[in-house]
Amino acid sequence: MARHADEIDDASPLAGARIDVGARIGWLLRSTRAAAGVPLRELGRRTDASTALSPATLSRVETAGRRSGRVIAAYERALDIPYGHLRAPVDVLCRTFSYAPADAEPFVPAPTLEGFSTACDAVAADEPLAHEWLRFAEYHTLTPFGLPARTARPLIAKLVDEVGRSAGLAYQLRYEALAKLRCSPYGAVVAEVIREAVEAPGMQRAADLLSAVTERPTADLVTWCGELLSHESWVIARAGCLGIQNMRSVGGLRRSDWMPLVPVFAAACDAAVGDPLRQPILSSTLACCPPEFRTAVRALLARDLVEPRRAATWSRTRRNRHFAHAASLAAQITGTSAGESLLARLLFEVLYDFRATHVVTSSFLLVASPFADAVREQLCISALDGPDEITRHGAAFAFANLMIPFETADPAPWLASDDPVVRGAGLTICGFAGVPLPEPLLRDLVVADDEVGYDALFAAGMSRQPELAALASRDDLPPAVRAAARWWRGAGGRIVS
């Protein structure tokens, strides 16, 4: 692939235990600035007196990927991009990997009573905006101000309710706000609210909540995630797996915290044999766990697990057909612009990596980058016409992680596929576009409690289809489907701001 003189890359091994966090921060900053057509000297002139930065300093920030919330906020202001647009994905990335650099200069909102009061009033309104949630969280975690727990609790419950129904930046900032609160003195309140939400009948959007609560791992959370593995809902069981993966990456747990999970995990694996909705995620989760944990679980299994979905090989060369596909997409997306090398790496992870923490953090960076819309279009092509099933499924699954809003969507070409994963992707896209499904199609798709039925209900729920009322009361539908329809009726629809 062609390289620019100022190209930033993550040269760590594709299957390595560590990524280059600094390179990813620098790539996001540089690609955003370059897409705006703003030279370093001009960017420096645009920063205010409190963050006046020289071109040399800015160049070092990008090249070294120095983590400074104050400087990243200055990029947002100078490039006229939304509040938190760059800071949120960087903070999510750095919290996820225990070896990431600390924030040298955290961004702190003006620590005034007036600012704090305005932030609280904003989220108490009927339809708070994403950046208002982030500012609310920042005031409660980075300044001397804070509401009493009993007053903050209903607001946190409101945020929890909105996270899983948001798309694009509206999702990223809400997730970051919730994660910030979880990693603060309000952490116990967040955990209580999330547990209540996940245990609500018919819960459909649990994955993001389990990810947020496990940003601060505890032995109790290990136990709870283990209990969720055998939940009657495969949606909840999958969320439990993602929580386990996140705790493994975030770190901080002792061996004694992990080992009681061994028999629970092994029992869940044996119970999931032959179940396409549970067995693959259990397999990929086990592959992410500590070595001694993996060995202990495998010793108890009655039957071997299926192998996780992953790339054919992990070499970063054109001879690796999967990396070559990611590199080809990156070249088409960037054209003559810089950023191609690391974009290829991020696309490879989104398409082929079995580690949810790599997939999710790369998705956050892609959505925040200037390449987001082009990535969305190329993944649509790869999902429908990719070179092999691994690629098509990787692209199909990517939409649920990227959460990029679509302006329009047509499920027809997706539903024409005989592959249920591809069909489900088309329905997921309809959900993020807020496009209702024709009533006969919706009725036909939800007859079974499977992945396609789940995605059809997601599309119906995000677009607030009135047919949900009838589905909630149909005696001929499985109880889980009726409960899901009732949950969506109570939750509300898509949020894009």
Protein backbone atom coordinates (compact mmCIF):
# COMPACT_ATOMS: atom_id res chain seq x y z
CA MET A 1 0.00 0.00 0.00
CA ALA A 2 1.16 3.52 -0.72
CA ARG A 3 2.52 5.40 2.27
CA HIS A 4 2.55 9.12 2.94
CA ALA A 5 5.53 10.71 4.62
CA ASP A 6 3.38 11.58 7.63
CA GLU A 7 1.62 8.22 7.82
CA ILE A 8 0.84 6.98 11.34
CA ASP A 9 0.62 3.25 11.85
CA ASP A 10 0.16 0.65 14.57
CA ALA A 11 2.91 -1.84 13.81
CA SER A 12 2.11 -4.20 16.70
CA PRO A 13 1.38 -7.83 15.67
CA LEU A 14 -2.21 -8.40 14.55
CA ALA A 15 -2.67 -11.21 17.05
CA GLY A 16 -0.45 -9.68 19.72
CA ALA A 17 -1.37 -9.16 23.34
CA ARG A 18 -0.97 -5.39 22.97
CA ILE A 19 -1.90 -2.70 20.46
CA ASP A 20 -0.23 0.68 19.98
CA VAL A 21 -2.74 2.92 21.73
CA GLY A 22 -0.74 6.08 21.11
CA ALA A 23 -0.64 5.50 17.36
CA ARG A 24 -4.42 5.17 17.28
CA ILE A 25 -4.89 8.43 19.17
CA GLY A 26 -2.47 10.23 16.86
CA TRP A 27 -4.14 8.74 13.77
CA LEU A 28 -7.57 9.98 14.82
CA LEU A 29 -6.28 13.50 15.48
CA ARG A 30 -4.20 13.75 12.31
CA SER A 31 -6.77 12.24 9.97
CA THR A 32 -9.46 14.54 11.37
CA ARG A 33 -7.27 17.63 10.97
CA ALA A 34 -6.13 16.60 7.49
CA ALA A 35 -9.72 15.96 6.34
CA ALA A 36 -10.61 19.48 7.49
CA GLY A 37 -7.74 20.85 5.40
CA VAL A 38 -6.18 22.67 8.36
CA PRO A 39 -2.35 22.83 8.55
CA LEU A 40 -0.68 22.56 11.94
CA ARG A 41 0.23 26.26 12.00
CA GLU A 42 -3.36 27.27 11.32
CA LEU A 43 -4.64 24.85 13.95
CA GLY A 44 -2.29 26.42 16.47
CA ARG A 45 -3.62 29.88 15.65
CA ARG A 46 -7.19 28.67 16.18
CA THR A 47 -6.60 27.41 19.72
CA ASP A 48 -7.53 29.82 22.48
CA ALA A 49 -5.04 31.45 24.84
CA SER A 50 -5.46 28.79 27.52
CA THR A 51 -4.40 26.02 25.12
CA ALA A 52 -2.16 27.92 22.68
CA LEU A 53 -0.08 25.23 20.99
CA SER A 54 2.83 25.55 18.60
CA PRO A 55 2.97 23.60 15.32
CA ALA A 56 5.91 21.60 16.72
CA THR A 57 3.93 20.67 19.84
CA LEU A 58 0.90 19.69 17.79
CA SER A 59 3.05 17.58 15.49
CA ARG A 60 4.47 15.72 18.51
CA VAL A 61 0.97 15.23 19.90
CA GLU A 62 -0.09 13.53 16.66
CA THR A 63 3.10 11.56 16.05
CA ALA A 64 3.43 10.28 19.60
CA GLY A 65 -0.30 10.00 20.23
CA ARG A 66 0.06 11.87 23.52
CA ARG A 67 -3.15 11.54 25.50
CA SER A 68 -4.36 14.93 26.71
CA GLY A 69 -8.07 15.56 27.07
CA ARG A 70 -7.42 19.30 27.14
CA VAL A 71 -5.53 19.21 23.83
CA ILE A 72 -8.06 16.90 22.18
CA ALA A 73 -10.84 19.28 23.26
CA ALA A 74 -8.83 22.08 21.63
CA TYR A 75 -8.85 20.08 18.37
CA GLU A 76 -12.64 19.79 18.63
CA ARG A 77 -13.09 23.53 19.09
CA ALA A 78 -10.51 24.54 16.47
CA LEU A 79 -11.92 22.18 13.83
CA ASP A 80 -15.54 23.04 14.71
CA ILE A 81 -16.57 19.46 15.39
CA PRO A 82 -19.06 18.39 18.07
CA TYR A 83 -18.25 18.41 21.77
CA GLY A 84 -16.67 15.12 22.79
CA HIS A 85 -16.50 13.78 19.22
CA LEU A 86 -12.79 12.97 19.53
CA ARG A 87 -12.43 12.69 23.30
CA ALA A 88 -15.08 9.99 23.81
CA PRO A 89 -13.54 7.31 21.55
CA VAL A 90 -10.06 8.05 22.91
CA ASP A 91 -11.24 7.66 26.51
CA VAL A 92 -13.11 4.43 25.69
CA LEU A 93 -9.99 3.09 23.97
CA CYS A 94 -7.72 3.95 26.89
CA ARG A 95 -10.01 2.58 29.60
CA THR A 96 -10.36 -0.72 27.75
CA PHE A 97 -6.66 -1.57 27.67
CA SER A 98 -4.94 -1.58 31.06
CA TYR A 99 -1.57 -0.53 29.60
CA ALA A 100 -2.93 2.60 27.88
CA PRO A 101 -1.41 5.95 28.90
CA ALA A 102 -3.06 8.03 31.59
CA ASP A 103 -4.62 11.31 30.57
CA ALA A 104 -1.83 13.85 31.12
CA GLU A 105 -4.24 16.80 31.13
CA PRO A 106 -7.88 15.75 31.53
CA PHE A 107 -10.46 18.09 30.07
CA VAL A 108 -12.49 19.65 32.89
CA PRO A 109 -15.59 21.81 32.32
CA ALA A 110 -15.58 25.22 33.98
CA PRO A 111 -15.95 24.32 37.70
CA THR A 112 -18.70 26.80 38.49
CA LEU A 113 -22.04 26.35 40.19
CA GLU A 114 -23.73 27.96 37.21
CA GLY A 115 -22.15 25.50 34.77
CA PHE A 116 -23.00 22.53 37.01
CA SER A 117 -26.61 23.67 37.40
CA THR A 118 -26.99 24.14 33.65
CA ALA A 119 -25.62 20.63 33.02
CA CYS A 120 -28.10 19.10 35.49
CA ASP A 121 -31.05 21.04 34.07
CA ALA A 122 -30.16 19.94 30.54
CA VAL A 123 -30.39 16.20 31.23
CA ALA A 124 -33.54 16.63 33.31
CA ALA A 125 -35.30 17.96 30.19
CA ASP A 126 -37.52 15.70 28.10
CA GLU A 127 -35.01 15.02 25.29
CA PRO A 128 -31.44 15.72 26.41
CA LEU A 129 -28.73 15.77 23.76
CA ALA A 130 -25.71 13.49 23.77
CA HIS A 131 -23.18 16.21 24.57
CA GLU A 132 -25.35 17.31 27.49
CA TRP A 133 -25.10 13.82 28.99
CA LEU A 134 -21.33 13.89 28.58
CA ARG A 135 -21.07 17.29 30.23
CA PHE A 136 -23.30 16.07 33.09
CA ALA A 137 -20.97 13.11 33.65
CA GLU A 138 -17.88 15.32 33.47
CA TYR A 139 -19.22 17.66 36.13
CA HIS A 140 -19.95 14.72 38.41
CA THR A 141 -16.59 13.03 37.92
CA LEU A 142 -14.09 15.85 37.38
CA THR A 143 -15.30 18.80 39.48
CA PRO A 144 -16.17 19.32 43.16
CA PHE A 145 -19.88 19.38 42.29
CA GLY A 146 -22.28 16.44 42.40
CA LEU A 147 -25.89 15.56 43.09
CA PRO A 148 -26.86 13.30 46.00
CA ALA A 149 -27.17 9.65 44.97
CA ARG A 150 -30.96 9.62 45.37
CA THR A 151 -31.28 12.63 43.04
CA ALA A 152 -28.75 11.35 40.52
CA ARG A 153 -30.28 7.85 40.35
CA PRO A 154 -33.35 8.65 38.16
CA LEU A 155 -31.13 10.64 35.81
CA ILE A 156 -28.70 7.73 35.53
CA ALA A 157 -31.65 5.41 34.87
CA LYS A 158 -32.72 7.74 32.06
CA LEU A 159 -29.22 7.59 30.57
CA VAL A 160 -29.16 3.78 30.84
CA ASP A 161 -32.48 3.66 29.00
CA GLU A 162 -31.16 5.81 26.15
CA VAL A 163 -27.76 4.20 25.52
CA GLY A 164 -28.92 1.11 23.62
CA ARG A 165 -31.34 3.04 21.41
CA SER A 166 -28.82 5.65 20.23
CA ALA A 167 -26.86 5.72 16.98
CA GLY A 168 -23.61 7.33 15.86
CA LEU A 169 -22.22 10.14 18.00
CA ALA A 170 -25.44 10.11 20.05
CA TYR A 171 -24.48 6.60 21.16
CA GLN A 172 -20.77 7.22 21.66
CA LEU A 173 -21.23 10.22 23.95
CA ARG A 174 -23.97 8.54 25.98
CA TYR A 175 -21.87 5.43 26.41
CA GLU A 176 -18.89 7.50 27.48
CA ALA A 177 -21.04 9.43 29.96
CA LEU A 178 -22.31 6.19 31.50
CA ALA A 179 -18.83 4.66 31.65
CA LYS A 180 -17.42 7.80 33.28
CA LEU A 181 -20.10 7.66 35.96
CA ARG A 182 -19.43 3.95 36.51
CA CYS A 183 -15.74 4.72 37.13
CA SER A 184 -16.58 7.42 39.69
CA PRO A 185 -18.02 7.60 43.22
CA TYR A 186 -21.39 7.03 41.52
CA GLY A 187 -20.19 3.61 40.36
CA ALA A 188 -22.38 1.62 42.78
CA VAL A 189 -25.48 3.57 41.72
CA VAL A 190 -24.69 2.87 38.05
CA ALA A 191 -24.22 -0.84 38.79
CA GLU A 192 -27.57 -1.05 40.60
CA VAL A 193 -29.44 0.73 37.80
CA ILE A 194 -27.82 -1.40 35.09
CA ARG A 195 -28.60 -4.62 36.93
CA GLU A 196 -32.26 -3.63 37.21
CA ALA A 197 -32.37 -2.74 33.52
CA VAL A 198 -30.73 -5.98 32.38
CA GLU A 199 -33.08 -8.07 34.53
CA ALA A 200 -36.21 -6.34 33.20
CA PRO A 201 -38.54 -8.75 31.34
CA GLY A 202 -37.79 -8.93 27.62
CA MET A 203 -34.64 -6.78 27.81
CA GLN A 204 -33.23 -6.40 24.29
CA ARG A 205 -30.25 -4.01 24.52
CA ALA A 206 -28.05 -5.39 27.27
CA ALA A 207 -24.62 -5.60 25.60
CA ASP A 208 -23.67 -1.93 25.95
CA LEU A 209 -24.81 -1.89 29.56
CA LEU A 210 -22.65 -4.91 30.46
CA SER A 211 -19.74 -3.27 28.68
CA ALA A 212 -20.19 -0.02 30.62
CA VAL A 213 -20.58 -1.62 34.05
CA THR A 214 -17.50 -3.82 33.52
CA GLU A 215 -15.35 -0.75 32.83
CA ARG A 216 -14.80 -1.07 36.59
CA PRO A 217 -14.33 -4.82 37.20
CA THR A 218 -15.19 -6.47 40.51
CA ALA A 219 -15.43 -10.04 41.78
CA ASP A 220 -19.20 -9.57 42.12
CA LEU A 221 -19.44 -8.67 38.44
CA VAL A 222 -17.53 -11.82 37.49
CA THR A 223 -20.12 -13.83 39.42
CA TRP A 224 -23.05 -11.97 37.83
CA CYS A 225 -21.69 -12.33 34.30
CA GLY A 226 -21.25 -16.04 34.97
CA GLU A 227 -24.89 -16.30 36.03
CA LEU A 228 -25.97 -14.52 32.85
CA LEU A 229 -24.27 -17.17 30.68
CA SER A 230 -27.15 -19.57 31.39
CA HIS A 231 -29.90 -16.96 31.10
CA GLU A 232 -32.93 -18.12 29.16
CA SER A 233 -32.43 -15.22 26.74
CA TRP A 234 -29.49 -15.69 24.38
CA VAL A 235 -29.33 -11.89 24.11
CA ILE A 236 -28.58 -11.59 27.83
CA ALA A 237 -26.19 -14.56 27.76
CA ARG A 238 -24.24 -12.91 24.95
CA ALA A 239 -24.04 -9.69 26.95
CA GLY A 240 -22.59 -11.67 29.86
CA CYS A 241 -19.85 -12.95 27.54
CA LEU A 242 -19.01 -9.43 26.41
CA GLY A 243 -18.80 -8.30 30.02
CA ILE A 244 -16.30 -11.08 30.76
CA GLN A 245 -14.19 -10.10 27.76
CA ASN A 246 -14.18 -6.47 28.83
CA MET A 247 -13.09 -7.27 32.39
CA ARG A 248 -10.25 -9.39 31.06
CA SER A 249 -9.00 -6.44 28.99
CA VAL A 250 -9.57 -3.67 31.53
CA GLY A 251 -7.69 -5.65 34.15
CA GLY A 252 -7.49 -5.31 37.91
CA LEU A 253 -8.93 -8.69 38.89
CA ARG A 254 -6.96 -11.34 40.75
CA ARG A 255 -6.62 -15.01 39.84
CA SER A 256 -8.86 -15.80 42.81
CA ASP A 257 -11.58 -13.64 41.25
CA TRP A 258 -11.51 -15.55 37.98
CA MET A 259 -11.23 -19.17 39.06
CA PRO A 260 -14.71 -19.56 40.68
CA LEU A 261 -16.10 -18.84 37.21
CA VAL A 262 -14.44 -21.95 35.75
CA PRO A 263 -17.17 -24.57 36.48
CA VAL A 264 -19.92 -22.07 35.64
CA PHE A 265 -18.33 -21.27 32.28
CA ALA A 266 -17.70 -24.91 31.47
CA ALA A 267 -21.32 -25.81 32.26
CA ALA A 268 -22.55 -23.01 29.99
CA CYS A 269 -20.31 -24.29 27.18
CA ASP A 270 -21.61 -27.85 27.51
CA ALA A 271 -25.21 -26.63 27.58
CA ALA A 272 -24.60 -24.57 24.43
CA VAL A 273 -23.31 -27.40 22.23
CA GLY A 274 -24.99 -27.08 18.84
CA ASP A 275 -26.55 -23.70 19.69
CA PRO A 276 -25.47 -21.18 17.00
CA LEU A 277 -26.58 -18.24 19.13
CA ARG A 278 -24.51 -19.15 22.19
CA GLN A 279 -21.65 -21.46 21.33
CA PRO A 280 -19.61 -19.11 19.06
CA ILE A 281 -19.60 -16.21 21.55
CA LEU A 282 -18.68 -18.56 24.40
CA SER A 283 -15.80 -19.88 22.29
CA SER A 284 -14.43 -16.43 21.46
CA THR A 285 -14.85 -15.33 25.08
CA LEU A 286 -12.89 -18.32 26.36
CA ALA A 287 -10.12 -17.51 23.87
CA CYS A 288 -9.83 -14.05 25.47
CA CYS A 289 -9.61 -15.27 29.07
CA PRO A 290 -6.44 -15.79 31.15
CA PRO A 291 -4.41 -18.88 30.12
CA GLU A 292 -4.91 -20.76 33.39
CA PHE A 293 -8.64 -20.11 33.17
CA ARG A 294 -8.80 -21.49 29.62
CA THR A 295 -6.91 -24.61 30.65
CA ALA A 296 -9.16 -25.23 33.64
CA VAL A 297 -12.36 -24.77 31.61
CA ARG A 298 -11.23 -27.05 28.80
CA ALA A 299 -10.39 -29.77 31.32
CA LEU A 300 -14.05 -29.81 32.42
CA LEU A 301 -15.71 -29.74 29.00
CA ALA A 302 -17.64 -32.81 27.93
CA ARG A 303 -17.17 -31.79 24.27
CA ASP A 304 -14.78 -29.46 22.48
CA LEU A 305 -15.98 -25.96 21.65
CA VAL A 306 -16.25 -24.72 18.09
CA GLU A 307 -13.37 -22.51 16.99
CA PRO A 308 -13.98 -18.73 17.12
CA ARG A 309 -14.60 -16.94 13.83
CA ARG A 310 -11.27 -15.41 12.92
CA ALA A 311 -8.97 -14.49 10.05
CA ALA A 312 -7.29 -17.22 8.04
CA THR A 313 -3.86 -15.98 9.15
CA TRP A 314 -2.57 -13.05 11.20
CA SER A 315 0.24 -11.87 8.95
CA ARG A 316 0.13 -8.27 7.74
CA THR A 317 0.92 -8.94 4.09
CA ARG A 318 -0.84 -9.09 0.76
CA ARG A 319 -0.47 -12.88 0.91
CA ASN A 320 -2.97 -12.85 3.76
CA ARG A 321 -6.19 -12.58 1.77
CA HIS A 322 -8.10 -11.16 4.70
CA PHE A 323 -5.61 -8.42 5.48
CA ALA A 324 -5.39 -7.75 1.74
CA HIS A 325 -9.16 -7.23 1.66
CA ALA A 326 -9.00 -4.76 4.56
CA ALA A 327 -6.10 -2.94 2.89
CA SER A 328 -8.02 -2.76 -0.38
CA LEU A 329 -11.01 -1.21 1.39
CA ALA A 330 -8.73 1.30 3.13
CA ALA A 331 -7.15 2.33 -0.16
CA GLN A 332 -10.56 2.89 -1.75
CA ILE A 333 -11.74 4.90 1.25
CA THR A 334 -8.73 7.19 1.66
CA GLY A 335 -7.87 7.68 -2.02
CA THR A 336 -4.95 10.12 -2.03
CA SER A 337 -5.42 11.08 1.62
CA ALA A 338 -3.19 10.00 4.49
CA GLY A 339 -4.37 7.52 7.09
CA GLU A 340 -4.54 4.41 4.94
CA SER A 341 -2.19 2.15 6.94
CA LEU A 342 -3.94 2.37 10.28
CA LEU A 343 -7.36 2.45 8.64
CA ALA A 344 -6.53 -0.95 7.12
CA ARG A 345 -5.58 -2.25 10.57
CA LEU A 346 -8.83 -1.00 12.13
CA LEU A 347 -10.92 -2.49 9.31
CA PHE A 348 -9.12 -5.82 9.69
CA GLU A 349 -9.99 -5.89 13.38
CA VAL A 350 -13.63 -4.98 12.79
CA LEU A 351 -13.96 -7.66 10.12
CA TYR A 352 -11.87 -10.52 11.46
CA ASP A 353 -10.78 -10.16 15.10
CA PHE A 354 -12.61 -12.43 17.54
CA ARG A 355 -11.75 -10.19 20.53
CA ALA A 356 -14.74 -7.97 21.25
CA THR A 357 -12.59 -5.33 22.94
CA HIS A 358 -10.55 -4.87 19.74
CA VAL A 359 -13.64 -4.84 17.55
CA VAL A 360 -15.53 -2.33 19.71
CA THR A 361 -12.69 0.14 20.28
CA SER A 362 -11.77 0.08 16.59
CA SER A 363 -15.43 0.71 15.78
CA PHE A 364 -15.45 3.75 18.08
CA LEU A 365 -12.41 5.17 16.28
CA LEU A 366 -13.85 4.51 12.82
CA VAL A 367 -17.15 6.20 13.64
CA ALA A 368 -15.35 9.27 14.99
CA SER A 369 -12.99 9.45 12.01
CA PRO A 370 -13.61 11.42 8.81
CA PHE A 371 -13.89 8.08 7.01
CA ALA A 372 -17.05 6.93 8.83
CA ASP A 373 -19.53 7.29 5.96
CA ALA A 374 -17.20 5.65 3.45
CA VAL A 375 -16.51 2.80 5.88
CA ARG A 376 -20.25 2.24 6.20
CA GLU A 377 -20.66 2.02 2.41
CA GLN A 378 -17.72 -0.32 1.91
CA LEU A 379 -18.91 -2.64 4.67
CA CYS A 380 -22.32 -2.81 3.01
CA ILE A 381 -20.59 -4.03 -0.16
CA SER A 382 -18.43 -6.51 1.78
CA ALA A 383 -21.44 -7.93 3.64
CA LEU A 384 -23.30 -8.64 0.41
CA ASP A 385 -20.44 -9.45 -1.95
CA GLY A 386 -17.37 -10.15 0.18
CA PRO A 387 -14.88 -12.79 -1.02
CA ASP A 388 -15.79 -15.42 1.58
CA GLU A 389 -18.19 -16.17 4.41
CA ILE A 390 -15.78 -15.00 7.13
CA THR A 391 -15.58 -11.58 5.46
CA ARG A 392 -19.32 -11.34 4.76
CA HIS A 393 -20.20 -12.27 8.32
CA GLY A 394 -17.57 -9.91 9.76
CA ALA A 395 -19.01 -7.03 7.76
CA ALA A 396 -22.57 -8.02 8.66
CA PHE A 397 -21.79 -8.13 12.38
CA ALA A 398 -19.92 -4.82 12.15
CA PHE A 399 -23.06 -2.70 11.86
CA ALA A 400 -24.18 -3.58 15.38
CA ASN A 401 -20.79 -2.38 16.71
CA LEU A 402 -20.40 0.69 14.52
CA MET A 403 -23.96 1.93 15.15
CA ILE A 404 -23.59 4.42 12.31
CA PRO A 405 -26.99 5.97 11.52
CA PHE A 406 -28.30 5.44 8.00
CA GLU A 407 -30.48 8.05 6.32
CA THR A 408 -32.36 5.45 4.27
CA ALA A 409 -32.44 1.68 4.12
CA ASP A 410 -33.95 -0.98 1.88
CA PRO A 411 -34.04 -4.46 3.39
CA ALA A 412 -34.82 -6.15 0.05
CA PRO A 413 -31.26 -6.93 -1.18
CA TRP A 414 -30.31 -8.19 2.27
CA LEU A 415 -33.37 -10.36 2.74
CA ALA A 416 -32.78 -11.90 -0.69
CA SER A 417 -29.73 -13.66 0.79
CA ASP A 418 -30.09 -17.22 2.04
CA ASP A 419 -27.58 -16.40 4.81
CA PRO A 420 -29.37 -15.50 8.07
CA VAL A 421 -26.40 -13.38 9.21
CA VAL A 422 -26.64 -11.20 6.10
CA ARG A 423 -30.41 -10.97 6.42
CA GLY A 424 -30.01 -9.87 10.01
CA ALA A 425 -27.55 -7.15 8.98
CA GLY A 426 -30.12 -5.64 6.62
CA LEU A 427 -32.64 -5.52 9.44
CA THR A 428 -30.07 -3.95 11.77
CA ILE A 429 -29.44 -1.25 9.16
CA CYS A 430 -33.19 -0.60 8.98
CA GLY A 431 -33.14 -0.11 12.73
CA PHE A 432 -30.34 2.44 12.62
CA ALA A 433 -32.17 4.20 9.79
CA GLY A 434 -35.46 4.20 11.67
CA VAL A 435 -37.15 2.53 8.68
CA PRO A 436 -40.27 0.51 9.60
CA LEU A 437 -40.73 -2.92 8.07
CA PRO A 438 -43.84 -3.79 6.07
CA GLU A 439 -46.32 -5.38 8.48
CA PRO A 440 -46.51 -8.77 6.67
CA LEU A 441 -42.70 -8.99 6.58
CA LEU A 442 -42.40 -8.13 10.25
CA ARG A 443 -45.05 -10.69 11.15
CA ASP A 444 -43.22 -13.41 9.18
CA LEU A 445 -39.78 -12.64 10.59
CA VAL A 446 -40.57 -12.63 14.30
CA VAL A 447 -42.20 -16.06 14.48
CA ALA A 448 -39.05 -17.55 15.99
CA ASP A 449 -36.80 -16.43 18.83
CA ASP A 450 -33.65 -16.35 16.72
CA GLU A 451 -31.16 -13.77 15.45
CA VAL A 452 -33.24 -12.70 12.46
CA GLY A 453 -36.30 -12.33 14.67
CA TYR A 454 -34.25 -10.28 17.13
CA ASP A 455 -33.03 -7.97 14.35
CA ALA A 456 -36.56 -7.59 12.97
CA LEU A 457 -37.79 -6.52 16.39
CA PHE A 458 -34.84 -4.13 16.61
CA ALA A 459 -35.91 -2.50 13.35
CA ALA A 460 -39.52 -2.31 14.52
CA GLY A 461 -38.56 -0.97 17.93
CA MET A 462 -36.17 1.70 16.68
CA SER A 463 -38.85 2.99 14.27
CA ARG A 464 -41.62 2.74 16.93
CA GLN A 465 -43.81 0.56 14.73
CA PRO A 466 -47.39 0.39 16.00
CA GLU A 467 -47.50 -3.31 15.11
CA LEU A 468 -45.46 -4.00 18.26
CA ALA A 469 -48.67 -3.80 20.27
CA ALA A 470 -50.20 -6.69 18.35
CA LEU A 471 -47.00 -8.74 18.53
CA ALA A 472 -46.87 -8.29 22.29
CA SER A 473 -50.24 -10.00 22.69
CA ARG A 474 -50.13 -12.73 20.03
CA ASP A 475 -50.60 -16.11 21.72
CA ASP A 476 -49.08 -17.96 18.76
CA LEU A 477 -45.67 -16.29 19.21
CA PRO A 478 -42.98 -17.61 21.58
CA PRO A 479 -43.10 -15.97 25.04
CA ALA A 480 -39.64 -14.45 24.48
CA VAL A 481 -40.81 -12.70 21.31
CA ARG A 482 -43.89 -11.29 23.04
CA ALA A 483 -41.75 -10.07 25.94
CA ALA A 484 -39.32 -8.42 23.52
CA ALA A 485 -42.15 -6.60 21.75
CA ARG A 486 -43.44 -5.36 25.12
CA TRP A 487 -39.95 -4.20 26.06
CA TRP A 488 -39.59 -2.18 22.86
CA ARG A 489 -43.02 -0.60 23.36
CA GLY A 490 -41.93 0.64 26.76
CA ALA A 491 -38.39 1.63 25.80
CA GLY A 492 -39.10 3.95 22.87
CA GLY A 493 -37.31 4.32 19.55
CA ARG A 494 -34.17 5.57 17.87
CA ILE A 495 -32.11 8.50 19.21
CA VAL A 496 -29.76 10.31 16.85
CA SER A 497 -28.88 13.52 18.69
